[in-house]
Amino acid sequence: MPKILIHIFLITGLGYAQQNYPADTVLVSPQANIFEKSAILPIVAWQRVSYNSELLACQFYPSCSNYGALAIRNYGPIIGTAITADRIVRCNPFALNYHYEMHGEFHYPDYRLVDSLEFSQTRYLSNKSPILAAGLSTILPGTGRMYAGRFLDGLMGLWMVLLPGTAAYGSLQQGQSMKGNFFTGITLIFWLGEIYGAYRTAKYYQGPKRRVKSLGI
């Protein structure tokens, strides 16, 4: 029964997808399977709201919704959704400051922060271990980002796991299994996103090392 509902929901969404928004092209692509399209469909719906409101304009390029659609298409619905969760965590009020620290690029003419899905190489050498960062966030979400040098991103990541996790626990305690399972899924997605995000932060999101001048006596 749930599978039938997914197909009905997807077919209905395809009927409204006219390739007017970036994620539409991924939704109607014959290369994407039914599970990828099911995961991308909420992004398609979101773009119909966000692309028509200046208040919801994303500070990154590509936008979080486009980034998520590409991640799901390239890596599948599970890993792709976790990668999307990592981007959502990083799309916070501290992003511009961190972008300046790593001498990031800007997209003209709208000056959005360039943040590609793929990295060909690290911008700066780092003394932080990506494996250790990922391990820390596996134990306690957010701590891997903190270890890698992005403390505020770590706090945001921890919050994004705790919020749905608390809602899931409360719902299950009250016997609301459907609601509890929904929030459990959201919690799992952001937890996996924190593991990936911690690894990526330690490996790629590092600014140039500061030079310490020695003082002669």
Foldseek 3Di string as FASTA:
>chain_A
DVVVVLVVVLVVLLVVLPVPDPLSCLLPDPLDDSQLNSLLSVLVVVCVVQVVDPVNDFLEVVRLSNQLNVLCSVPNNQRSLLQSLLVVLCRDPCNVVLCVQAVFDADPDVRGTYDDNDDPAASEDFPDALVVLLVVLLVQFLVLLVSLPNNSSSVSLNCQLVVLQVVLVVCVVVVNNVSNVVSVVSNVSSSSSRSVNSSCSNGHSHHYDDDDDDDDD
